[in-house]
Amino acid sequence: MNIIISSVVLLAIIALIIGIFLGISSEIFKVEVDEKILKVRECLPGNNCGGCGYAGCDALAEAIAKGEAAVNQCPVGGAPVAAKISEVMGVDAGTSTKMVAFVRCNGTCVNANKSYEYTGVKDCRIAASLPNAGEKACRNACLGYGTCVAACKFDAISIVDGVAKVDEEKCVACKACINACPMKVIELVPYGKKHKVECSNKDKGKVAMDACKVSCIACGMCERTCSVGAIKVTNGIAIMDYEKCNDCGACAEKCPRKCITK
């Protein structure tokens, strides 16, 4: 019995010593954390999507607290989160335009011609490494195998008739689909913009026309029609300046290939 009591007392003493040691060590070696970082982190949604340009919400919170990132840099949280963070930081949240992903391609099964029939693994990255960058005749087309769909955590993108389509209401502009797309046909555009150039084909004339029924052929009709200079043909493709565009629709009406869609 004495042995048992002695053992229990010894264990209690050891536990007490260890507890005191850990307590002292935690004070000596503790890392001071800026309270502002913790408060900013509480405001962030915690998706850790990387759409802000940082590794995750912890990294973004630290950057905001240090003044290295804007209070409205979280694409998932949007204006509501920006407002909360601005209160913590004591600054104006400013105005930020909601951005959404957009697939610059309308090369559907009906519109796009094929160079050959692809029967391999349904992965855009694999298909893009094949001759002509996939089976579609257009070398700048959405391949439609859903690599972007797998990358999206918000169920905001799907494959419709061989082309990726974005649900603007679900999209949080995290850029996961943009980073996943090997063809680089996805970009961010302002939410609610009515007219967009739905093509990435940089070929001209007959080559572009043979590849797809609705390809841009760099004719420049849209550029000559636009009264506010919001669209220009650059490197063989029409590029829209959404800050200048007033959604009048004149370019879409004049486009002979109907690649500017509403």
C-alpha atoms as a PDB file:
ATOM      1  CA  MET A   1       0.000   0.000   0.000  1.00  0.00           C
ATOM      2  CA  ASN A   2       2.870   2.347   0.887  1.00  0.00           C
ATOM      3  CA  ILE A   3       4.406   1.656  -2.507  1.00  0.00           C
ATOM      4  CA  ILE A   4       1.173   2.647  -4.265  1.00  0.00           C
ATOM      5  CA  ILE A   5       0.818   5.843  -2.231  1.00  0.00           C
ATOM      6  CA  SER A   6       4.464   6.728  -2.843  1.00  0.00           C
ATOM      7  CA  SER A   7       4.032   6.156  -6.581  1.00  0.00           C
ATOM      8  CA  VAL A   8       0.933   8.360  -6.741  1.00  0.00           C
ATOM      9  CA  VAL A   9       2.657  11.146  -4.780  1.00  0.00           C
ATOM     10  CA  LEU A  10       5.739  10.872  -7.019  1.00  0.00           C
ATOM     11  CA  LEU A  11       3.621  11.098 -10.187  1.00  0.00           C
ATOM     12  CA  ALA A  12       1.787  14.109  -8.799  1.00  0.00           C
ATOM     13  CA  ILE A  13       5.061  15.865  -8.023  1.00  0.00           C
ATOM     14  CA  ILE A  14       6.414  15.076 -11.492  1.00  0.00           C
ATOM     15  CA  ALA A  15       3.184  16.366 -13.111  1.00  0.00           C
ATOM     16  CA  LEU A  16       3.407  19.546 -11.028  1.00  0.00           C
ATOM     17  CA  ILE A  17       7.016  20.122 -12.038  1.00  0.00           C
ATOM     18  CA  ILE A  18       6.231  19.525 -15.704  1.00  0.00           C
ATOM     19  CA  GLY A  19       3.230  21.862 -15.495  1.00  0.00           C
ATOM     20  CA  ILE A  20       5.339  24.621 -13.943  1.00  0.00           C
ATOM     21  CA  PHE A  21       8.053  24.071 -16.565  1.00  0.00           C
ATOM     22  CA  LEU A  22       5.576  24.262 -19.438  1.00  0.00           C
ATOM     23  CA  GLY A  23       3.970  27.365 -17.987  1.00  0.00           C
ATOM     24  CA  ILE A  24       7.299  29.146 -17.653  1.00  0.00           C
ATOM     25  CA  SER A  25       8.401  27.981 -21.125  1.00  0.00           C
ATOM     26  CA  SER A  26       5.213  29.235 -22.741  1.00  0.00           C
ATOM     27  CA  GLU A  27       5.846  32.678 -21.307  1.00  0.00           C
ATOM     28  CA  ILE A  28       9.512  32.721 -22.263  1.00  0.00           C
ATOM     29  CA  PHE A  29       9.099  31.393 -25.788  1.00  0.00           C
ATOM     30  CA  LYS A  30       5.661  32.712 -26.673  1.00  0.00           C
ATOM     31  CA  VAL A  31       5.299  34.544 -29.986  1.00  0.00           C
ATOM     32  CA  GLU A  32       3.534  37.853 -29.741  1.00  0.00           C
ATOM     33  CA  VAL A  33       0.602  37.973 -32.177  1.00  0.00           C
ATOM     34  CA  ASP A  34      -0.780  41.310 -33.272  1.00  0.00           C
ATOM     35  CA  GLU A  35      -4.315  41.533 -31.931  1.00  0.00           C
ATOM     36  CA  LYS A  36      -5.313  43.284 -35.145  1.00  0.00           C
ATOM     37  CA  ILE A  37      -4.318  40.187 -37.157  1.00  0.00           C
ATOM     38  CA  LEU A  38      -6.600  38.032 -35.034  1.00  0.00           C
ATOM     39  CA  LYS A  39      -9.516  40.437 -35.426  1.00  0.00           C
ATOM     40  CA  VAL A  40      -9.054  40.638 -39.211  1.00  0.00           C
ATOM     41  CA  ARG A  41      -8.823  36.843 -39.396  1.00  0.00           C
ATOM     42  CA  GLU A  42     -12.165  36.545 -37.576  1.00  0.00           C
ATOM     43  CA  CYS A  43     -13.758  38.654 -40.317  1.00  0.00           C
ATOM     44  CA  LEU A  44     -12.506  36.477 -43.175  1.00  0.00           C
ATOM     45  CA  PRO A  45     -14.675  33.568 -44.377  1.00  0.00           C
ATOM     46  CA  GLY A  46     -12.019  30.866 -43.995  1.00  0.00           C
ATOM     47  CA  ASN A  47     -12.273  29.346 -47.464  1.00  0.00           C
ATOM     48  CA  ASN A  48      -8.490  29.488 -47.965  1.00  0.00           C
ATOM     49  CA  CYS A  49      -9.093  29.558 -51.725  1.00  0.00           C
ATOM     50  CA  GLY A  50      -6.087  31.714 -52.578  1.00  0.00           C
ATOM     51  CA  GLY A  51      -8.156  34.035 -54.749  1.00  0.00           C
ATOM     52  CA  CYS A  52      -6.798  37.027 -52.844  1.00  0.00           C
ATOM     53  CA  GLY A  53      -3.269  36.256 -53.998  1.00  0.00           C
ATOM     54  CA  TYR A  54      -2.118  34.905 -50.635  1.00  0.00           C
ATOM     55  CA  ALA A  55      -1.652  31.328 -49.410  1.00  0.00           C
ATOM     56  CA  GLY A  56      -4.797  31.452 -47.291  1.00  0.00           C
ATOM     57  CA  CYS A  57      -6.907  33.524 -44.907  1.00  0.00           C
ATOM     58  CA  ASP A  58      -4.195  33.596 -42.219  1.00  0.00           C
ATOM     59  CA  ALA A  59      -1.649  35.013 -44.653  1.00  0.00           C
ATOM     60  CA  LEU A  60      -4.147  37.573 -45.959  1.00  0.00           C
ATOM     61  CA  ALA A  61      -5.108  38.661 -42.428  1.00  0.00           C
ATOM     62  CA  GLU A  62      -1.448  39.268 -41.604  1.00  0.00           C
ATOM     63  CA  ALA A  63      -0.921  41.206 -44.839  1.00  0.00           C
ATOM     64  CA  ILE A  64      -3.977  43.395 -44.232  1.00  0.00           C
ATOM     65  CA  ALA A  65      -2.940  44.094 -40.647  1.00  0.00           C
ATOM     66  CA  LYS A  66       0.511  45.143 -41.858  1.00  0.00           C
ATOM     67  CA  GLY A  67      -0.971  47.386 -44.540  1.00  0.00           C
ATOM     68  CA  GLU A  68       0.401  45.204 -47.344  1.00  0.00           C
ATOM     69  CA  ALA A  69      -3.031  44.198 -48.672  1.00  0.00           C
ATOM     70  CA  ALA A  70      -6.287  46.073 -49.198  1.00  0.00           C
ATOM     71  CA  VAL A  71      -9.177  45.626 -46.786  1.00  0.00           C
ATOM     72  CA  ASN A  72     -11.366  44.534 -49.718  1.00  0.00           C
ATOM     73  CA  GLN A  73      -8.902  41.980 -51.110  1.00  0.00           C
ATOM     74  CA  CYS A  74     -10.980  38.927 -50.179  1.00  0.00           C
ATOM     75  CA  PRO A  75     -13.018  37.997 -53.286  1.00  0.00           C
ATOM     76  CA  VAL A  76     -15.188  35.517 -51.406  1.00  0.00           C
ATOM     77  CA  GLY A  77     -16.293  37.876 -48.652  1.00  0.00           C
ATOM     78  CA  GLY A  78     -16.900  40.802 -50.974  1.00  0.00           C
ATOM     79  CA  ALA A  79     -18.230  44.123 -49.702  1.00  0.00           C
ATOM     80  CA  PRO A  80     -19.704  42.821 -46.380  1.00  0.00           C
ATOM     81  CA  VAL A  81     -16.372  41.372 -45.245  1.00  0.00           C
ATOM     82  CA  ALA A  82     -14.498  44.436 -46.493  1.00  0.00           C
ATOM     83  CA  ALA A  83     -16.763  46.628 -44.366  1.00  0.00           C
ATOM     84  CA  LYS A  84     -16.019  44.579 -41.229  1.00  0.00           C
ATOM     85  CA  ILE A  85     -12.283  44.625 -41.847  1.00  0.00           C
ATOM     86  CA  SER A  86     -12.315  48.364 -42.526  1.00  0.00           C
ATOM     87  CA  GLU A  87     -13.811  48.879 -39.053  1.00  0.00           C
ATOM     88  CA  VAL A  88     -11.005  46.833 -37.510  1.00  0.00           C
ATOM     89  CA  MET A  89      -8.349  48.709 -39.479  1.00  0.00           C
ATOM     90  CA  GLY A  90      -9.999  52.091 -39.105  1.00  0.00           C
ATOM     91  CA  VAL A  91      -9.935  52.848 -42.826  1.00  0.00           C
ATOM     92  CA  ASP A  92     -12.440  53.361 -45.606  1.00  0.00           C
ATOM     93  CA  ALA A  93     -13.394  50.100 -47.319  1.00  0.00           C
ATOM     94  CA  GLY A  94     -13.663  51.910 -50.640  1.00  0.00           C
ATOM     95  CA  THR A  95     -15.717  50.751 -53.569  1.00  0.00           C
ATOM     96  CA  SER A  96     -14.841  47.505 -55.265  1.00  0.00           C
ATOM     97  CA  THR A  97     -16.472  46.083 -58.363  1.00  0.00           C
ATOM     98  CA  LYS A  98     -17.653  42.510 -58.034  1.00  0.00           C
ATOM     99  CA  MET A  99     -15.753  40.362 -60.491  1.00  0.00           C
ATOM    100  CA  VAL A 100     -16.738  36.998 -61.923  1.00  0.00           C
ATOM    101  CA  ALA A 101     -15.048  34.451 -64.148  1.00  0.00           C
ATOM    102  CA  PHE A 102     -15.921  34.377 -67.840  1.00  0.00           C
ATOM    103  CA  VAL A 103     -15.014  31.758 -70.448  1.00  0.00           C
ATOM    104  CA  ARG A 104     -13.898  33.450 -73.665  1.00  0.00           C
ATOM    105  CA  CYS A 105     -15.108  30.662 -75.914  1.00  0.00           C
ATOM    106  CA  ASN A 106     -18.349  29.609 -77.560  1.00  0.00           C
ATOM    107  CA  GLY A 107     -16.896  26.618 -79.344  1.00  0.00           C
ATOM    108  CA  THR A 108     -19.764  24.301 -78.562  1.00  0.00           C
ATOM    109  CA  CYS A 109     -20.284  20.911 -80.166  1.00  0.00           C
ATOM    110  CA  VAL A 110     -22.342  22.674 -82.864  1.00  0.00           C
ATOM    111  CA  ASN A 111     -20.060  25.662 -83.453  1.00  0.00           C
ATOM    112  CA  ALA A 112     -16.575  24.171 -83.238  1.00  0.00           C
ATOM    113  CA  ASN A 113     -15.066  21.875 -85.842  1.00  0.00           C
ATOM    114  CA  LYS A 114     -12.738  19.026 -84.910  1.00  0.00           C
ATOM    115  CA  SER A 115      -9.335  18.034 -86.203  1.00  0.00           C
ATOM    116  CA  TYR A 116      -9.708  14.492 -84.855  1.00  0.00           C
ATOM    117  CA  GLU A 117     -11.660  12.465 -82.308  1.00  0.00           C
ATOM    118  CA  TYR A 118     -10.159  12.403 -78.820  1.00  0.00           C
ATOM    119  CA  THR A 119     -10.896   9.276 -76.773  1.00  0.00           C
ATOM    120  CA  GLY A 120      -8.376   9.678 -73.963  1.00  0.00           C
ATOM    121  CA  VAL A 121      -8.705  10.731 -70.330  1.00  0.00           C
ATOM    122  CA  LYS A 122     -11.207  13.550 -69.922  1.00  0.00           C
ATOM    123  CA  ASP A 123      -8.746  16.073 -68.547  1.00  0.00           C
ATOM    124  CA  CYS A 124      -8.002  19.392 -70.241  1.00  0.00           C
ATOM    125  CA  ARG A 125      -4.352  19.366 -69.195  1.00  0.00           C
ATOM    126  CA  ILE A 126      -3.752  16.020 -70.871  1.00  0.00           C
ATOM    127  CA  ALA A 127      -5.743  16.920 -73.987  1.00  0.00           C
ATOM    128  CA  ALA A 128      -3.920  20.253 -74.309  1.00  0.00           C
ATOM    129  CA  SER A 129      -0.592  18.427 -74.632  1.00  0.00           C
ATOM    130  CA  LEU A 130      -1.777  16.616 -77.768  1.00  0.00           C
ATOM    131  CA  PRO A 131      -1.325  17.846 -81.369  1.00  0.00           C
ATOM    132  CA  ASN A 132      -3.192  21.099 -82.109  1.00  0.00           C
ATOM    133  CA  ALA A 133      -3.766  21.463 -78.332  1.00  0.00           C
ATOM    134  CA  GLY A 134      -6.784  19.168 -78.354  1.00  0.00           C
ATOM    135  CA  GLU A 135      -9.311  17.792 -80.794  1.00  0.00           C
ATOM    136  CA  LYS A 136     -11.030  21.098 -81.593  1.00  0.00           C
ATOM    137  CA  ALA A 137      -9.785  22.793 -84.753  1.00  0.00           C
ATOM    138  CA  CYS A 138      -9.366  26.060 -82.876  1.00  0.00           C
ATOM    139  CA  ARG A 139      -6.030  26.086 -81.074  1.00  0.00           C
ATOM    140  CA  ASN A 140      -7.369  28.518 -78.463  1.00  0.00           C
ATOM    141  CA  ALA A 141     -10.640  26.825 -77.586  1.00  0.00           C
ATOM    142  CA  CYS A 142     -12.152  25.628 -74.332  1.00  0.00           C
ATOM    143  CA  LEU A 143     -11.537  21.881 -74.430  1.00  0.00           C
ATOM    144  CA  GLY A 144     -14.611  21.129 -72.343  1.00  0.00           C
ATOM    145  CA  TYR A 145     -13.270  18.276 -70.222  1.00  0.00           C
ATOM    146  CA  GLY A 146     -13.974  19.930 -66.881  1.00  0.00           C
ATOM    147  CA  THR A 147     -10.591  20.538 -65.284  1.00  0.00           C
ATOM    148  CA  CYS A 148     -11.919  23.952 -64.247  1.00  0.00           C
ATOM    149  CA  VAL A 149     -15.067  22.335 -62.834  1.00  0.00           C
ATOM    150  CA  ALA A 150     -12.983  20.090 -60.586  1.00  0.00           C
ATOM    151  CA  ALA A 151     -10.959  23.095 -59.384  1.00  0.00           C
ATOM    152  CA  CYS A 152     -13.983  25.215 -58.406  1.00  0.00           C
ATOM    153  CA  LYS A 153     -14.971  24.855 -54.738  1.00  0.00           C
ATOM    154  CA  PHE A 154     -18.180  26.810 -55.157  1.00  0.00           C
ATOM    155  CA  ASP A 155     -19.982  24.796 -57.859  1.00  0.00           C
ATOM    156  CA  ALA A 156     -19.922  27.931 -60.027  1.00  0.00           C
ATOM    157  CA  ILE A 157     -18.776  26.393 -63.307  1.00  0.00           C
ATOM    158  CA  SER A 158     -20.078  23.524 -65.408  1.00  0.00           C
ATOM    159  CA  ILE A 159     -19.664  22.045 -68.868  1.00  0.00           C
ATOM    160  CA  VAL A 160     -22.543  22.825 -71.222  1.00  0.00           C
ATOM    161  CA  ASP A 161     -22.469  21.442 -74.762  1.00  0.00           C
ATOM    162  CA  GLY A 162     -18.700  21.025 -74.712  1.00  0.00           C
ATOM    163  CA  VAL A 163     -17.830  24.436 -73.243  1.00  0.00           C
ATOM    164  CA  ALA A 164     -17.352  25.636 -69.664  1.00  0.00           C
ATOM    165  CA  LYS A 165     -20.015  28.078 -68.469  1.00  0.00           C
ATOM    166  CA  VAL A 166     -19.884  30.187 -65.312  1.00  0.00           C
ATOM    167  CA  ASP A 167     -22.792  30.826 -62.951  1.00  0.00           C
ATOM    168  CA  GLU A 168     -22.223  34.490 -62.046  1.00  0.00           C
ATOM    169  CA  GLU A 169     -24.387  34.213 -58.945  1.00  0.00           C
ATOM    170  CA  LYS A 170     -22.187  31.495 -57.458  1.00  0.00           C
ATOM    171  CA  CYS A 171     -18.796  32.721 -58.684  1.00  0.00           C
ATOM    172  CA  VAL A 172     -16.599  34.414 -56.066  1.00  0.00           C
ATOM    173  CA  ALA A 173     -13.699  35.289 -58.405  1.00  0.00           C
ATOM    174  CA  CYS A 174     -11.253  33.052 -56.555  1.00  0.00           C
ATOM    175  CA  LYS A 175      -9.388  32.372 -59.855  1.00  0.00           C
ATOM    176  CA  ALA A 176      -9.190  28.631 -59.224  1.00  0.00           C
ATOM    177  CA  CYS A 177     -10.669  27.913 -62.655  1.00  0.00           C
ATOM    178  CA  ILE A 178      -8.359  30.441 -64.301  1.00  0.00           C
ATOM    179  CA  ASN A 179      -5.306  28.799 -62.769  1.00  0.00           C
ATOM    180  CA  ALA A 180      -6.536  25.319 -63.708  1.00  0.00           C
ATOM    181  CA  CYS A 181      -7.319  26.076 -67.373  1.00  0.00           C
ATOM    182  CA  PRO A 182      -4.378  25.046 -69.602  1.00  0.00           C
ATOM    183  CA  MET A 183      -5.816  26.976 -72.556  1.00  0.00           C
ATOM    184  CA  LYS A 184      -6.048  30.267 -70.628  1.00  0.00           C
ATOM    185  CA  VAL A 185      -9.513  31.077 -71.971  1.00  0.00           C
ATOM    186  CA  ILE A 186     -10.996  32.122 -68.621  1.00  0.00           C
ATOM    187  CA  GLU A 187     -10.700  35.673 -67.299  1.00  0.00           C
ATOM    188  CA  LEU A 188     -12.310  37.921 -64.700  1.00  0.00           C
ATOM    189  CA  VAL A 189     -14.882  40.460 -65.855  1.00  0.00           C
ATOM    190  CA  PRO A 190     -17.165  42.856 -63.980  1.00  0.00           C
ATOM    191  CA  TYR A 191     -20.346  41.227 -62.716  1.00  0.00           C
ATOM    192  CA  GLY A 192     -23.453  41.993 -64.745  1.00  0.00           C
ATOM    193  CA  LYS A 193     -21.726  43.174 -67.925  1.00  0.00           C
ATOM    194  CA  LYS A 194     -24.079  42.351 -70.787  1.00  0.00           C
ATOM    195  CA  HIS A 195     -21.733  42.202 -73.771  1.00  0.00           C
ATOM    196  CA  LYS A 196     -18.562  40.129 -73.910  1.00  0.00           C
ATOM    197  CA  VAL A 197     -16.240  38.796 -76.596  1.00  0.00           C
ATOM    198  CA  GLU A 198     -16.856  35.067 -76.399  1.00  0.00           C
ATOM    199  CA  CYS A 199     -13.790  33.989 -78.370  1.00  0.00           C
ATOM    200  CA  SER A 200     -10.046  33.543 -77.842  1.00  0.00           C
ATOM    201  CA  ASN A 201      -9.079  32.526 -81.390  1.00  0.00           C
ATOM    202  CA  LYS A 202      -6.037  34.507 -82.513  1.00  0.00           C
ATOM    203  CA  ASP A 203      -6.077  33.209 -86.081  1.00  0.00           C
ATOM    204  CA  LYS A 204      -7.404  35.395 -88.872  1.00  0.00           C
ATOM    205  CA  GLY A 205      -9.653  35.030 -91.880  1.00  0.00           C
ATOM    206  CA  LYS A 206     -10.230  31.598 -93.358  1.00  0.00           C
ATOM    207  CA  VAL A 207      -8.235  29.741 -90.683  1.00  0.00           C
ATOM    208  CA  ALA A 208     -10.458  31.120 -87.939  1.00  0.00           C
ATOM    209  CA  MET A 209     -13.631  30.591 -89.974  1.00  0.00           C
ATOM    210  CA  ASP A 210     -12.765  26.957 -90.697  1.00  0.00           C
ATOM    211  CA  ALA A 211     -12.127  26.305 -87.004  1.00  0.00           C
ATOM    212  CA  CYS A 212     -15.406  27.641 -85.603  1.00  0.00           C
ATOM    213  CA  LYS A 213     -18.700  29.091 -86.825  1.00  0.00           C
ATOM    214  CA  VAL A 214     -18.573  31.945 -84.308  1.00  0.00           C
ATOM    215  CA  SER A 215     -14.851  32.750 -84.242  1.00  0.00           C
ATOM    216  CA  CYS A 216     -13.463  36.277 -84.159  1.00  0.00           C
ATOM    217  CA  ILE A 217     -11.669  36.945 -87.460  1.00  0.00           C
ATOM    218  CA  ALA A 218     -10.075  40.255 -86.386  1.00  0.00           C
ATOM    219  CA  CYS A 219     -12.036  42.187 -89.019  1.00  0.00           C
ATOM    220  CA  GLY A 220     -12.129  45.296 -86.811  1.00  0.00           C
ATOM    221  CA  MET A 221     -15.819  46.007 -87.396  1.00  0.00           C
ATOM    222  CA  CYS A 222     -16.465  46.136 -83.650  1.00  0.00           C
ATOM    223  CA  GLU A 223     -13.618  48.578 -83.089  1.00  0.00           C
ATOM    224  CA  ARG A 224     -14.808  50.906 -85.830  1.00  0.00           C
ATOM    225  CA  THR A 225     -18.382  50.765 -84.545  1.00  0.00           C
ATOM    226  CA  CYS A 226     -17.714  51.481 -80.860  1.00  0.00           C
ATOM    227  CA  SER A 227     -18.199  55.186 -80.107  1.00  0.00           C
ATOM    228  CA  VAL A 228     -16.462  55.090 -76.722  1.00  0.00           C
ATOM    229  CA  GLY A 229     -13.319  53.167 -77.707  1.00  0.00           C
ATOM    230  CA  ALA A 230     -14.165  50.229 -75.477  1.00  0.00           C
ATOM    231  CA  ILE A 231     -13.124  47.470 -77.871  1.00  0.00           C
ATOM    232  CA  LYS A 232      -9.984  47.020 -79.916  1.00  0.00           C
ATOM    233  CA  VAL A 233      -8.485  44.257 -82.022  1.00  0.00           C
ATOM    234  CA  THR A 234      -5.180  43.263 -80.464  1.00  0.00           C
ATOM    235  CA  ASN A 235      -2.985  40.353 -81.601  1.00  0.00           C
ATOM    236  CA  GLY A 236      -5.732  38.974 -83.797  1.00  0.00           C
ATOM    237  CA  ILE A 237      -8.565  39.063 -81.264  1.00  0.00           C
ATOM    238  CA  ALA A 238     -11.132  41.645 -80.115  1.00  0.00           C
ATOM    239  CA  ILE A 239     -10.471  42.786 -76.540  1.00  0.00           C
ATOM    240  CA  MET A 240     -13.107  44.558 -74.459  1.00  0.00           C
ATOM    241  CA  ASP A 241     -12.256  47.357 -72.034  1.00  0.00           C
ATOM    242  CA  TYR A 242     -15.064  46.893 -69.533  1.00  0.00           C
ATOM    243  CA  GLU A 243     -14.378  50.171 -67.736  1.00  0.00           C
ATOM    244  CA  LYS A 244     -15.168  52.073 -70.921  1.00  0.00           C
ATOM    245  CA  CYS A 245     -17.952  49.817 -72.202  1.00  0.00           C
ATOM    246  CA  ASN A 246     -21.450  51.237 -71.679  1.00  0.00           C
ATOM    247  CA  ASP A 247     -23.224  48.078 -72.891  1.00  0.00           C
ATOM    248  CA  CYS A 248     -24.832  49.861 -75.843  1.00  0.00           C
ATOM    249  CA  GLY A 249     -24.551  46.669 -77.896  1.00  0.00           C
ATOM    250  CA  ALA A 250     -23.447  48.334 -81.136  1.00  0.00           C
ATOM    251  CA  CYS A 251     -20.398  46.071 -81.454  1.00  0.00           C
ATOM    252  CA  ALA A 252     -22.501  42.942 -81.015  1.00  0.00           C
ATOM    253  CA  GLU A 253     -24.951  44.056 -83.695  1.00  0.00           C
ATOM    254  CA  LYS A 254     -22.192  44.776 -86.214  1.00  0.00           C
ATOM    255  CA  CYS A 255     -20.068  41.697 -85.529  1.00  0.00           C
ATOM    256  CA  PRO A 256     -20.371  39.532 -88.691  1.00  0.00           C
ATOM    257  CA  ARG A 257     -19.343  36.396 -86.775  1.00  0.00           C
ATOM    258  CA  LYS A 258     -21.635  36.947 -83.774  1.00  0.00           C
ATOM    259  CA  CYS A 259     -18.813  36.244 -81.348  1.00  0.00           C
ATOM    260  CA  ILE A 260     -19.766  39.244 -79.185  1.00  0.00           C
ATOM    261  CA  THR A 261     -22.618  37.895 -77.148  1.00  0.00           C
ATOM    262  CA  LYS A 262     -25.224  39.225 -74.768  1.00  0.00           C
END
